[in-house]
Amino acid sequence: MPHFSIKDHIFMANALRIAKKGQYTAHPNPMVGCVLAKDGKIIGQGWHKKTGAAHAEINALQDAGENANGSTAYVTLEPCSQYGKTPPCFEALIKAGVKKVITATKDPSQKFSDKALESLIAAGVAVEYGLMKSAAEELNRGFLMRVTKQRPFIQLKLAVSIDGAISMKNGESQWITSSAARKDVQKLRARAGAIMTGIGTILEDDPLLNIRENNIETGGIQPIRVILDSHLRTPVTASILKLSGKNLVCCTNNKKSKNLMRLNAEVKLFKSINGLVDCREVFEELASRGINNLLIEAGPTLSGYLLERKLVDELIIYQAPHIMGSETIKLASTPSWTSLVDREELVISDTRRVGSDTRIITSFNKAN
């Protein structure tokens, strides 16, 4: 492995920081940042905003102008080597006279992996790889999951009381968490390419599952709204069907699909497992549509089904500081967990206050 200096780390950290500016708009493309440095100073920087727009390297080169000649480029992802909606970035780096390229991680989506780095080396440009690799992979975990595992990175969001309730038995649930927590969820939705729920939530809560915060700049993009509805019980009066954007209704029998298809809904048939839509097949379908990150907001039936089968990569739990008591519905229905030995150990990666609530980010302990 190359030896990277403190300055190298500072410049790559800046590239990662500005890459994150694309968190609401870059998908299905990865978030990428580029910093150009010369004589120990940043002379240009850029990030990728959205599909079809200039890539990070091009924006950084434009920012630096002629001063880019003789500089070092710090790029969070291997420069592209293919002609698509934009020309290959490695050619622009060579043409600008960049003398060295340091990249955090390689791009497994490229048809010819390493071609850009090999072309740079052939043109006399020094190339180093692996600086802050883990941070770069974490930044684009959804994109990397999609192109390597053919499924999105899957997050399950839960809003609960201290005693694990998501609603009263009479269905009352607005609101368990604070307005600050609900605003934070809007950011989760904006980062996701799709939001999924089950038919139970549609019938019980009639949710919108859209981005409503005006201060989140998404370029007008709304995530695909996905309903798992094995037997097509989604009512034509559902509020979700009246919104702009795409709705995908996933079923195992589409004989009753005509009324929904006349509205704002695509109805798609999926394989049935014990009478229910095969979630894994839905995940593959979403990946084929370029969905990097899937956010699931569901009731106890779907949440429990996914948890029992470990079909989520991360749980985001908003816990409100109150006790709702015994006449409540708990966060997940897990009928197969009947003993303490069935419990699943979690690893908490982040805990912080959001308004009056506590946000816990956690995942299954992979060591078990």
Protein backbone atom coordinates (compact mmCIF):
# COMPACT_ATOMS: atom_id res chain seq x y z
CA MET A 1 0.00 0.00 0.00
CA PRO A 2 1.22 3.53 -0.75
CA HIS A 3 2.22 5.77 2.13
CA PHE A 4 -0.20 8.69 2.30
CA SER A 5 0.71 11.92 4.04
CA ILE A 6 -1.38 14.01 6.42
CA LYS A 7 -1.98 16.46 3.56
CA ASP A 8 -3.21 13.61 1.38
CA HIS A 9 -5.73 12.66 4.05
CA ILE A 10 -6.89 16.27 4.41
CA PHE A 11 -7.45 16.67 0.68
CA MET A 12 -9.29 13.35 0.34
CA ALA A 13 -11.42 14.18 3.37
CA ASN A 14 -12.42 17.38 1.58
CA ALA A 15 -13.27 15.39 -1.54
CA LEU A 16 -15.48 13.06 0.53
CA ARG A 17 -17.14 16.03 2.21
CA ILE A 18 -18.11 17.71 -1.05
CA ALA A 19 -19.14 14.38 -2.62
CA LYS A 20 -21.89 14.20 0.00
CA LYS A 21 -23.49 17.28 -1.57
CA GLY A 22 -24.94 14.88 -4.11
CA GLN A 23 -26.73 12.77 -1.50
CA TYR A 24 -30.21 13.92 -2.58
CA THR A 25 -29.68 14.24 -6.33
CA ALA A 26 -26.86 12.02 -7.66
CA HIS A 27 -28.66 8.66 -7.54
CA PRO A 28 -28.69 6.30 -9.33
CA ASN A 29 -25.12 7.46 -9.91
CA PRO A 30 -22.66 7.34 -7.00
CA MET A 31 -21.71 10.40 -4.99
CA VAL A 32 -18.27 11.54 -6.14
CA GLY A 33 -16.03 14.41 -5.09
CA CYS A 34 -12.76 15.63 -6.56
CA VAL A 35 -10.14 18.00 -5.13
CA LEU A 36 -7.21 19.35 -7.15
CA ALA A 37 -4.17 20.40 -5.11
CA LYS A 38 -0.82 21.95 -6.00
CA ASP A 39 1.97 23.22 -3.80
CA GLY A 40 0.06 22.09 -0.72
CA LYS A 41 -3.07 24.09 -1.51
CA ILE A 42 -6.48 23.32 -3.00
CA ILE A 43 -6.79 24.95 -6.43
CA GLY A 44 -10.06 23.40 -7.58
CA GLN A 45 -12.86 21.16 -6.40
CA GLY A 46 -16.08 19.69 -7.75
CA TRP A 47 -18.78 17.12 -7.12
CA HIS A 48 -21.30 15.18 -9.19
CA LYS A 49 -24.77 16.64 -8.90
CA LYS A 50 -27.03 14.41 -11.00
CA THR A 51 -27.19 11.89 -13.85
CA GLY A 52 -26.25 13.49 -17.14
CA ALA A 53 -24.51 16.43 -15.47
CA ALA A 54 -20.74 16.90 -15.41
CA HIS A 55 -18.78 14.51 -13.24
CA ALA A 56 -16.80 15.64 -10.20
CA GLU A 57 -13.44 15.63 -12.02
CA ILE A 58 -14.75 17.86 -14.82
CA ASN A 59 -16.20 20.36 -12.34
CA ALA A 60 -12.93 20.42 -10.40
CA LEU A 61 -10.90 20.98 -13.58
CA GLN A 62 -13.19 23.84 -14.59
CA ASP A 63 -12.82 25.31 -11.11
CA ALA A 64 -9.00 25.18 -11.34
CA GLY A 65 -8.69 26.33 -14.95
CA GLU A 66 -5.18 26.35 -16.43
CA ASN A 67 -3.74 26.00 -12.94
CA ALA A 68 -4.74 22.31 -13.06
CA ASN A 69 -1.55 21.57 -15.01
CA GLY A 70 0.90 19.80 -12.69
CA SER A 71 -1.65 19.25 -9.93
CA THR A 72 -2.69 16.15 -7.98
CA ALA A 73 -6.30 14.97 -8.20
CA TYR A 74 -7.93 13.41 -5.15
CA VAL A 75 -11.00 11.49 -6.34
CA THR A 76 -13.35 9.51 -4.09
CA LEU A 77 -14.14 6.98 -6.84
CA GLU A 78 -12.07 5.69 -9.75
CA PRO A 79 -12.49 8.09 -12.74
CA CYS A 80 -14.90 6.79 -15.36
CA SER A 81 -13.52 5.15 -18.49
CA GLN A 82 -16.65 4.78 -20.58
CA TYR A 83 -18.49 7.01 -23.03
CA GLY A 84 -22.00 7.49 -21.73
CA LYS A 85 -23.98 10.66 -21.12
CA THR A 86 -20.60 12.32 -20.51
CA PRO A 87 -17.10 11.61 -21.91
CA PRO A 88 -14.58 9.57 -19.84
CA CYS A 89 -13.07 11.63 -17.03
CA PHE A 90 -9.59 10.08 -17.26
CA GLU A 91 -9.12 11.71 -20.69
CA ALA A 92 -9.93 15.14 -19.28
CA LEU A 93 -7.43 14.65 -16.45
CA ILE A 94 -4.69 13.71 -18.91
CA LYS A 95 -5.50 16.59 -21.23
CA ALA A 96 -5.41 19.08 -18.32
CA GLY A 97 -1.89 17.97 -17.38
CA VAL A 98 -2.74 16.46 -14.00
CA LYS A 99 0.46 14.75 -12.84
CA LYS A 100 -0.96 12.43 -10.19
CA VAL A 101 -4.31 10.86 -9.36
CA ILE A 102 -5.11 9.45 -5.91
CA THR A 103 -8.40 7.57 -5.73
CA ALA A 104 -10.16 6.22 -2.64
CA THR A 105 -11.90 3.23 -4.19
CA LYS A 106 -12.45 1.49 -7.51
CA ASP A 107 -15.72 1.47 -9.44
CA PRO A 108 -17.09 -2.09 -9.78
CA SER A 109 -19.85 -0.90 -12.12
CA GLN A 110 -17.48 -0.12 -14.96
CA LYS A 111 -17.38 -2.67 -17.77
CA PHE A 112 -13.62 -2.49 -17.84
CA SER A 113 -12.55 -2.06 -14.24
CA ASP A 114 -9.13 -0.43 -13.82
CA LYS A 115 -9.12 0.82 -17.43
CA ALA A 116 -9.07 4.46 -16.33
CA LEU A 117 -6.21 3.91 -13.89
CA GLU A 118 -4.25 1.89 -16.47
CA SER A 119 -4.81 4.57 -19.12
CA LEU A 120 -3.62 7.26 -16.72
CA ILE A 121 -0.45 5.28 -15.97
CA ALA A 122 0.15 4.72 -19.70
CA ALA A 123 -0.06 8.50 -20.22
CA GLY A 124 2.61 9.10 -17.56
CA VAL A 125 0.26 10.07 -14.75
CA ALA A 126 1.19 8.66 -11.34
CA VAL A 127 -1.66 6.71 -9.76
CA GLU A 128 -2.25 5.67 -6.15
CA TYR A 129 -5.30 3.86 -4.77
CA GLY A 130 -6.88 3.14 -1.40
CA LEU A 131 -6.71 6.44 0.50
CA MET A 132 -9.67 6.53 2.94
CA LYS A 133 -11.18 3.54 1.15
CA SER A 134 -13.53 2.53 3.96
CA ALA A 135 -15.03 6.03 4.21
CA ALA A 136 -15.54 6.15 0.44
CA GLU A 137 -17.24 2.74 0.43
CA GLU A 138 -19.50 3.77 3.30
CA LEU A 139 -20.49 6.92 1.40
CA ASN A 140 -21.64 4.88 -1.60
CA ARG A 141 -22.75 1.70 0.15
CA GLY A 142 -26.07 1.69 -1.69
CA PHE A 143 -24.49 2.08 -5.11
CA LEU A 144 -21.90 -0.60 -4.34
CA MET A 145 -24.60 -2.96 -3.03
CA ARG A 146 -26.63 -2.51 -6.20
CA VAL A 147 -23.80 -3.15 -8.65
CA THR A 148 -22.20 -6.04 -6.73
CA LYS A 149 -25.20 -7.78 -5.09
CA GLN A 150 -28.01 -6.67 -7.46
CA ARG A 151 -30.12 -5.26 -4.66
CA PRO A 152 -30.38 -1.92 -2.85
CA PHE A 153 -29.02 -1.11 0.58
CA ILE A 154 -32.10 -1.63 2.75
CA GLN A 155 -33.00 0.53 5.75
CA LEU A 156 -35.96 -0.09 8.05
CA LYS A 157 -37.24 3.00 9.83
CA LEU A 158 -39.17 2.62 13.08
CA ALA A 159 -40.78 5.28 15.30
CA VAL A 160 -41.44 3.90 18.78
CA SER A 161 -42.08 4.79 22.38
CA ILE A 162 -39.65 3.84 25.17
CA ASP A 163 -41.63 0.63 25.63
CA GLY A 164 -41.50 -0.26 21.92
CA ALA A 165 -45.01 0.74 20.85
CA ILE A 166 -45.79 2.11 17.39
CA SER A 167 -49.49 2.86 18.00
CA MET A 168 -52.42 2.32 20.30
CA LYS A 169 -54.59 -0.72 19.63
CA ASN A 170 -57.31 1.60 18.34
CA GLY A 171 -54.90 2.72 15.58
CA GLU A 172 -53.98 6.08 17.08
CA SER A 173 -50.36 6.88 16.20
CA GLN A 174 -50.04 10.58 15.33
CA TRP A 175 -47.67 11.55 16.65
CA ILE A 176 -45.35 9.29 18.62
CA THR A 177 -42.16 11.16 17.78
CA SER A 178 -41.40 14.88 17.63
CA SER A 179 -41.54 17.21 14.65
CA ALA A 180 -37.72 17.26 14.64
CA ALA A 181 -37.65 13.47 14.20
CA ARG A 182 -40.21 13.63 11.40
CA LYS A 183 -38.12 16.25 9.63
CA ASP A 184 -35.11 13.98 9.97
CA VAL A 185 -37.09 11.18 8.29
CA GLN A 186 -37.65 13.53 5.36
CA LYS A 187 -33.89 13.50 4.81
CA LEU A 188 -33.89 9.69 4.86
CA ARG A 189 -36.59 9.71 2.21
CA ALA A 190 -34.66 12.19 0.08
CA ARG A 191 -31.57 9.95 0.13
CA ALA A 192 -33.60 6.92 -0.93
CA GLY A 193 -34.44 5.98 -4.48
CA ALA A 194 -37.54 4.14 -3.26
CA ILE A 195 -39.75 3.95 -0.17
CA MET A 196 -41.56 0.70 0.59
CA THR A 197 -44.55 -0.12 2.76
CA GLY A 198 -47.08 -2.93 3.09
CA ILE A 199 -50.77 -3.07 2.32
CA GLY A 200 -51.57 -3.06 6.03
CA THR A 201 -50.08 0.41 6.43
CA ILE A 202 -51.90 1.64 3.31
CA LEU A 203 -55.25 0.46 4.69
CA GLU A 204 -54.63 1.57 8.27
CA ASP A 205 -52.76 4.88 7.88
CA ASP A 206 -53.24 5.98 4.23
CA PRO A 207 -49.67 7.40 4.11
CA LEU A 208 -48.17 9.70 1.49
CA LEU A 209 -44.52 8.53 1.72
CA ASN A 210 -43.24 11.57 -0.13
CA ILE A 211 -40.71 14.35 0.47
CA ARG A 212 -42.48 17.42 1.81
CA GLU A 213 -39.64 19.54 3.24
CA ASN A 214 -39.00 22.50 0.93
CA ASN A 215 -35.49 23.07 2.29
CA ILE A 216 -34.28 19.67 1.00
CA GLU A 217 -33.00 20.25 -2.52
CA THR A 218 -33.87 17.17 -4.58
CA GLY A 219 -34.24 18.77 -7.98
CA GLY A 220 -37.91 17.82 -7.92
CA ILE A 221 -37.12 14.11 -7.58
CA GLN A 222 -39.53 11.98 -5.54
CA PRO A 223 -38.61 8.39 -4.60
CA ILE A 224 -40.55 5.54 -6.17
CA ARG A 225 -43.27 4.51 -3.72
CA VAL A 226 -43.48 0.72 -3.46
CA ILE A 227 -46.48 -1.13 -1.99
CA LEU A 228 -46.26 -4.84 -1.17
CA ASP A 229 -49.84 -5.88 -1.85
CA SER A 230 -49.97 -9.60 -2.59
CA HIS A 231 -53.72 -9.73 -3.30
CA LEU A 232 -54.26 -6.20 -4.68
CA ARG A 233 -56.26 -4.68 -1.86
CA THR A 234 -54.95 -1.14 -2.43
CA PRO A 235 -58.06 1.08 -2.67
CA VAL A 236 -58.38 3.43 -5.63
CA THR A 237 -59.01 6.20 -3.06
CA ALA A 238 -55.55 5.79 -1.49
CA SER A 239 -53.87 9.19 -1.08
CA ILE A 240 -50.58 7.82 -2.37
CA LEU A 241 -52.15 7.37 -5.83
CA LYS A 242 -53.00 11.07 -6.07
CA LEU A 243 -49.39 12.27 -5.81
CA SER A 244 -46.93 13.06 -8.56
CA GLY A 245 -44.13 10.56 -9.05
CA LYS A 246 -44.14 6.80 -9.52
CA ASN A 247 -46.03 4.15 -7.56
CA LEU A 248 -45.17 0.47 -7.91
CA VAL A 249 -47.72 -2.01 -6.56
CA CYS A 250 -46.21 -5.49 -6.14
CA CYS A 251 -48.64 -8.42 -6.20
CA THR A 252 -48.90 -12.18 -6.77
CA ASN A 253 -52.12 -12.00 -8.77
CA ASN A 254 -52.87 -9.03 -11.03
CA LYS A 255 -56.42 -9.94 -12.10
CA LYS A 256 -57.75 -6.86 -10.27
CA SER A 257 -55.13 -4.44 -11.57
CA LYS A 258 -57.14 -2.44 -14.14
CA ASN A 259 -58.55 0.15 -11.75
CA LEU A 260 -55.15 0.84 -10.17
CA MET A 261 -53.43 1.07 -13.55
CA ARG A 262 -55.91 3.74 -14.63
CA LEU A 263 -54.56 5.80 -11.76
CA ASN A 264 -50.97 6.69 -10.92
CA ALA A 265 -49.78 3.11 -10.37
CA GLU A 266 -47.74 0.45 -12.08
CA VAL A 267 -48.88 -3.02 -11.07
CA LYS A 268 -46.26 -5.75 -11.37
CA LEU A 269 -46.54 -9.49 -10.78
CA PHE A 270 -43.98 -11.21 -8.55
CA LYS A 271 -43.33 -14.76 -7.42
CA SER A 272 -45.41 -15.94 -4.48
CA ILE A 273 -43.90 -17.47 -1.33
CA ASN A 274 -46.60 -18.87 0.95
CA GLY A 275 -49.10 -16.52 -0.68
CA LEU A 276 -46.94 -13.42 -0.17
CA VAL A 277 -44.87 -11.38 -2.60
CA ASP A 278 -41.26 -12.56 -2.74
CA CYS A 279 -39.41 -9.60 -1.19
CA ARG A 280 -36.07 -10.67 -2.59
CA GLU A 281 -37.45 -10.59 -6.12
CA VAL A 282 -38.82 -7.10 -5.48
CA PHE A 283 -35.39 -5.98 -4.25
CA GLU A 284 -33.79 -7.32 -7.45
CA GLU A 285 -36.40 -5.50 -9.53
CA LEU A 286 -35.67 -2.23 -7.75
CA ALA A 287 -31.93 -2.69 -8.32
CA SER A 288 -32.59 -3.21 -12.04
CA ARG A 289 -34.33 0.18 -11.98
CA GLY A 290 -31.25 1.86 -10.53
CA ILE A 291 -32.38 2.03 -6.89
CA ASN A 292 -29.32 2.28 -4.64
CA ASN A 293 -31.06 2.84 -1.32
CA LEU A 294 -34.44 1.50 -0.21
CA LEU A 295 -36.18 2.93 2.84
CA ILE A 296 -38.90 0.78 4.40
CA GLU A 297 -41.61 2.42 6.52
CA ALA A 298 -44.04 -0.28 7.53
CA GLY A 299 -46.22 -1.72 10.25
CA PRO A 300 -45.47 -4.68 12.53
CA THR A 301 -46.34 -7.40 9.99
CA LEU A 302 -43.92 -6.39 7.24
CA SER A 303 -41.30 -5.13 9.70
CA GLY A 304 -41.40 -8.43 11.58
CA TYR A 305 -41.30 -10.48 8.38
CA LEU A 306 -38.14 -8.68 7.27
CA LEU A 307 -36.49 -8.86 10.69
CA GLU A 308 -37.15 -12.57 11.09
CA ARG A 309 -35.39 -13.19 7.77
CA LYS A 310 -32.63 -10.60 8.26
CA LEU A 311 -33.63 -8.86 5.06
CA VAL A 312 -32.60 -5.38 6.24
CA ASP A 313 -29.09 -3.94 6.33
CA GLU A 314 -29.78 -1.21 8.86
CA LEU A 315 -32.44 -0.19 11.35
CA ILE A 316 -33.08 3.46 12.10
CA ILE A 317 -35.09 3.72 15.30
CA TYR A 318 -36.56 7.00 16.54
CA GLN A 319 -37.39 6.46 20.21
CA ALA A 320 -39.66 8.94 21.95
CA PRO A 321 -39.29 9.59 25.72
CA HIS A 322 -42.69 8.33 26.81
CA ILE A 323 -44.40 5.09 27.84
CA MET A 324 -47.58 4.11 25.98
CA GLY A 325 -48.56 1.17 28.16
CA SER A 326 -50.26 -2.15 27.51
CA GLU A 327 -53.04 -1.23 25.05
CA THR A 328 -50.61 -0.81 22.19
CA ILE A 329 -49.21 -2.44 19.08
CA LYS A 330 -45.51 -3.26 19.23
CA LEU A 331 -42.93 -2.51 16.54
CA ALA A 332 -42.71 -5.98 14.96
CA SER A 333 -44.65 -9.22 14.72
CA THR A 334 -42.14 -12.08 14.94
CA PRO A 335 -44.06 -15.32 15.59
CA SER A 336 -41.00 -17.50 14.95
CA TRP A 337 -39.14 -15.90 17.88
CA THR A 338 -40.51 -17.87 20.82
CA SER A 339 -37.48 -18.11 23.10
CA LEU A 340 -34.62 -15.93 24.29
CA VAL A 341 -32.29 -17.93 22.06
CA ASP A 342 -34.23 -16.57 19.04
CA ARG A 343 -33.40 -12.96 19.85
CA GLU A 344 -31.15 -11.11 17.43
CA GLU A 345 -28.13 -9.21 18.72
CA LEU A 346 -27.65 -5.77 17.19
CA VAL A 347 -24.61 -3.55 16.80
CA ILE A 348 -25.28 0.15 17.39
CA SER A 349 -23.27 2.42 15.09
CA ASP A 350 -24.74 5.78 16.10
CA THR A 351 -26.92 7.27 18.83
CA ARG A 352 -27.91 10.92 18.99
CA ARG A 353 -30.66 13.27 20.10
CA VAL A 354 -33.08 14.52 17.45
CA GLY A 355 -35.30 17.05 19.10
CA SER A 356 -36.68 15.38 22.23
CA ASP A 357 -36.22 11.89 20.73
CA THR A 358 -33.27 9.52 20.43
CA ARG A 359 -32.21 8.24 17.02
CA ILE A 360 -30.50 4.86 17.09
CA ILE A 361 -28.80 3.46 14.00
CA THR A 362 -28.12 -0.24 14.32
CA SER A 363 -27.68 -3.45 12.33
CA PHE A 364 -27.57 -7.20 12.87
CA ASN A 365 -24.41 -8.52 14.48
CA LYS A 366 -22.78 -10.32 11.54
CA ALA A 367 -20.58 -12.30 13.91
CA ASN A 368 -23.62 -14.31 15.01
